[in-house]
Protein backbone atom coordinates (compact mmCIF):
# COMPACT_ATOMS: atom_id res chain seq x y z
CA MET A 1 0.00 0.00 0.00
CA ASP A 2 1.37 3.34 -1.00
CA ILE A 3 1.43 6.40 1.20
CA ASP A 4 -0.20 8.16 -1.77
CA LEU A 5 -3.50 6.47 -0.93
CA ILE A 6 -3.48 7.99 2.54
CA PHE A 7 -2.71 11.42 1.10
CA ARG A 8 -5.51 11.06 -1.46
CA ILE A 9 -8.01 10.10 1.22
CA ALA A 10 -6.88 13.02 3.38
CA ALA A 11 -7.18 15.41 0.43
CA VAL A 12 -10.71 14.24 -0.31
CA GLY A 13 -11.60 14.61 3.37
CA ILE A 14 -10.26 18.15 3.55
CA LEU A 15 -11.99 19.16 0.32
CA VAL A 16 -15.31 17.66 1.42
CA SER A 17 -15.14 19.28 4.83
CA VAL A 18 -14.44 22.73 3.33
CA LEU A 19 -17.25 22.37 0.80
CA ASN A 20 -19.57 21.09 3.51
CA GLN A 21 -18.87 24.11 5.72
CA VAL A 22 -19.30 26.59 2.86
CA LEU A 23 -22.59 25.05 1.77
CA ALA A 24 -23.92 24.73 5.31
CA ARG A 25 -23.13 28.38 6.10
CA SER A 26 -24.91 29.51 2.95
CA GLY A 27 -28.06 27.64 3.95
CA ARG A 28 -27.77 24.71 1.56
CA GLU A 29 -27.74 21.84 4.03
CA GLU A 30 -29.14 19.32 1.54
CA GLN A 31 -26.35 19.99 -0.93
CA ALA A 32 -23.80 19.85 1.88
CA THR A 33 -25.10 16.41 2.77
CA MET A 34 -24.86 15.31 -0.85
CA VAL A 35 -21.26 16.52 -1.05
CA THR A 36 -20.44 14.55 2.09
CA LEU A 37 -22.05 11.41 0.68
CA ALA A 38 -20.23 11.84 -2.63
CA GLY A 39 -16.92 12.17 -0.79
CA LEU A 40 -17.69 9.04 1.18
CA VAL A 41 -18.44 7.12 -2.02
CA VAL A 42 -15.20 8.30 -3.63
CA VAL A 43 -13.13 7.20 -0.64
CA LEU A 44 -14.94 3.87 -0.44
CA MET A 45 -14.22 3.23 -4.11
CA MET A 46 -10.51 3.88 -3.51
CA VAL A 47 -10.48 1.54 -0.52
CA VAL A 48 -12.43 -1.18 -2.35
CA ARG A 49 -9.85 -1.12 -5.16
CA GLN A 50 -7.06 -1.64 -2.64
CA ILE A 51 -8.94 -4.45 -0.89
CA SER A 52 -9.51 -6.12 -4.26
CA ALA A 53 -5.80 -5.88 -5.00
CA LEU A 54 -5.07 -7.41 -1.59
CA PHE A 55 -7.41 -10.34 -2.25
CA ASP A 56 -5.81 -10.89 -5.65
CA LEU A 57 -2.37 -10.90 -4.04
CA VAL A 58 -3.44 -13.43 -1.40
CA LYS A 59 -5.10 -15.55 -4.08
CA ASN A 60 -1.93 -15.57 -6.19
CA LEU A 61 0.24 -16.18 -3.14
CA PHE A 62 -1.59 -19.36 -2.19
CA GLY A 63 -2.21 -20.42 -5.79
CA LEU A 64 -5.97 -20.49 -5.52
């Protein structure tokens, strides 16, 4: 696992939190919630890719 993945997740988190605060302060709570959910989906997709790569590595390691 690269350290780049951690930096990408942190960057998405910072961006989502800033957008969430800006939208919430301007009275657009629904859009702020949607931005938060979209950020969560993006991070989950990144993590799922890494978990898939881990399972492929374990599968190849044991010759399954």
